[in-house]
Amino acid sequence: MLLAGIKYGNWLADCDRRQKNVLITLKFHKYFQEFLKIILILITLRSIIITLINLIKVL
């Protein structure tokens, strides 16, 4: 019975550890998505600015 209790305790600790790892992974994924959005916005702005500069040069 004691051995079963120890195994159950270890199983709970493993589950808790896995749950924390999943939460960390989800947070990282969320921040990574935001980072990619910012990079995409910056690239878009850069291309718009370059296009405007080229238009001004032509005029």
C-alpha atoms as a PDB file:
ATOM      1  CA  MET A   1       0.000   0.000   0.000  1.00  0.00           C
ATOM      2  CA  LEU A   2       2.840   2.361   0.884  1.00  0.00           C
ATOM      3  CA  LEU A   3       4.548   1.587  -2.416  1.00  0.00           C
ATOM      4  CA  ALA A   4       1.332   2.376  -4.305  1.00  0.00           C
ATOM      5  CA  GLY A   5       1.109   5.693  -2.434  1.00  0.00           C
ATOM      6  CA  ILE A   6       4.697   6.569  -3.334  1.00  0.00           C
ATOM      7  CA  LYS A   7       4.097   5.670  -6.994  1.00  0.00           C
ATOM      8  CA  TYR A   8       0.914   7.784  -7.012  1.00  0.00           C
ATOM      9  CA  GLY A   9       2.830  10.706  -5.474  1.00  0.00           C
ATOM     10  CA  ASN A  10       5.543  10.404  -8.114  1.00  0.00           C
ATOM     11  CA  TRP A  11       2.885  10.227 -10.827  1.00  0.00           C
ATOM     12  CA  LEU A  12       1.254  13.420  -9.487  1.00  0.00           C
ATOM     13  CA  ALA A  13       4.627  15.172  -9.388  1.00  0.00           C
ATOM     14  CA  ASP A  14       5.302  14.113 -12.995  1.00  0.00           C
ATOM     15  CA  CYS A  15       1.870  15.386 -14.068  1.00  0.00           C
ATOM     16  CA  ASP A  16       2.495  18.700 -12.307  1.00  0.00           C
ATOM     17  CA  ARG A  17       5.900  19.015 -13.973  1.00  0.00           C
ATOM     18  CA  ARG A  18       4.435  18.262 -17.401  1.00  0.00           C
ATOM     19  CA  GLN A  19       1.637  20.771 -16.834  1.00  0.00           C
ATOM     20  CA  LYS A  20       4.172  23.483 -15.955  1.00  0.00           C
ATOM     21  CA  ASN A  21       6.180  22.614 -19.081  1.00  0.00           C
ATOM     22  CA  VAL A  22       3.041  22.901 -21.218  1.00  0.00           C
ATOM     23  CA  LEU A  23       2.208  26.286 -19.676  1.00  0.00           C
ATOM     24  CA  ILE A  24       5.743  27.540 -20.326  1.00  0.00           C
ATOM     25  CA  THR A  25       5.523  26.267 -23.910  1.00  0.00           C
ATOM     26  CA  LEU A  26       2.157  27.995 -24.432  1.00  0.00           C
ATOM     27  CA  LYS A  27       3.504  31.276 -23.041  1.00  0.00           C
ATOM     28  CA  PHE A  28       6.535  31.029 -25.313  1.00  0.00           C
ATOM     29  CA  HIS A  29       4.264  30.299 -28.285  1.00  0.00           C
ATOM     30  CA  LYS A  30       2.117  33.339 -27.479  1.00  0.00           C
ATOM     31  CA  TYR A  31       5.130  35.641 -27.177  1.00  0.00           C
ATOM     32  CA  PHE A  32       6.658  34.176 -30.330  1.00  0.00           C
ATOM     33  CA  GLN A  33       3.432  34.880 -32.254  1.00  0.00           C
ATOM     34  CA  GLU A  34       3.472  38.495 -31.039  1.00  0.00           C
ATOM     35  CA  PHE A  35       7.133  38.790 -32.042  1.00  0.00           C
ATOM     36  CA  LEU A  36       6.343  37.487 -35.534  1.00  0.00           C
ATOM     37  CA  LYS A  37       3.470  39.973 -35.869  1.00  0.00           C
ATOM     38  CA  ILE A  38       5.779  42.850 -34.939  1.00  0.00           C
ATOM     39  CA  ILE A  39       8.420  41.677 -37.425  1.00  0.00           C
ATOM     40  CA  LEU A  40       5.773  41.401 -40.155  1.00  0.00           C
ATOM     41  CA  ILE A  41       4.515  44.923 -39.403  1.00  0.00           C
ATOM     42  CA  LEU A  42       8.061  46.310 -39.509  1.00  0.00           C
ATOM     43  CA  ILE A  43       8.783  44.615 -42.836  1.00  0.00           C
ATOM     44  CA  THR A  44       5.523  45.962 -44.263  1.00  0.00           C
ATOM     45  CA  LEU A  45       6.283  49.479 -43.041  1.00  0.00           C
ATOM     46  CA  ARG A  46       9.779  49.275 -44.483  1.00  0.00           C
ATOM     47  CA  SER A  47       8.462  48.275 -47.899  1.00  0.00           C
ATOM     48  CA  ILE A  48       5.847  51.057 -47.811  1.00  0.00           C
ATOM     49  CA  ILE A  49       8.503  53.631 -46.926  1.00  0.00           C
ATOM     50  CA  ILE A  50      10.803  52.392 -49.702  1.00  0.00           C
ATOM     51  CA  THR A  51       7.922  52.591 -52.183  1.00  0.00           C
ATOM     52  CA  LEU A  52       7.106  56.147 -51.092  1.00  0.00           C
ATOM     53  CA  ILE A  53      10.743  57.201 -51.411  1.00  0.00           C
ATOM     54  CA  ASN A  54      10.883  55.744 -54.930  1.00  0.00           C
ATOM     55  CA  LEU A  55       7.680  57.563 -55.865  1.00  0.00           C
ATOM     56  CA  ILE A  56       9.096  60.843 -54.585  1.00  0.00           C
ATOM     57  CA  LYS A  57      12.278  60.272 -56.620  1.00  0.00           C
ATOM     58  CA  VAL A  58      10.236  59.695 -59.766  1.00  0.00           C
ATOM     59  CA  LEU A  59       8.251  62.896 -59.249  1.00  0.00           C
END
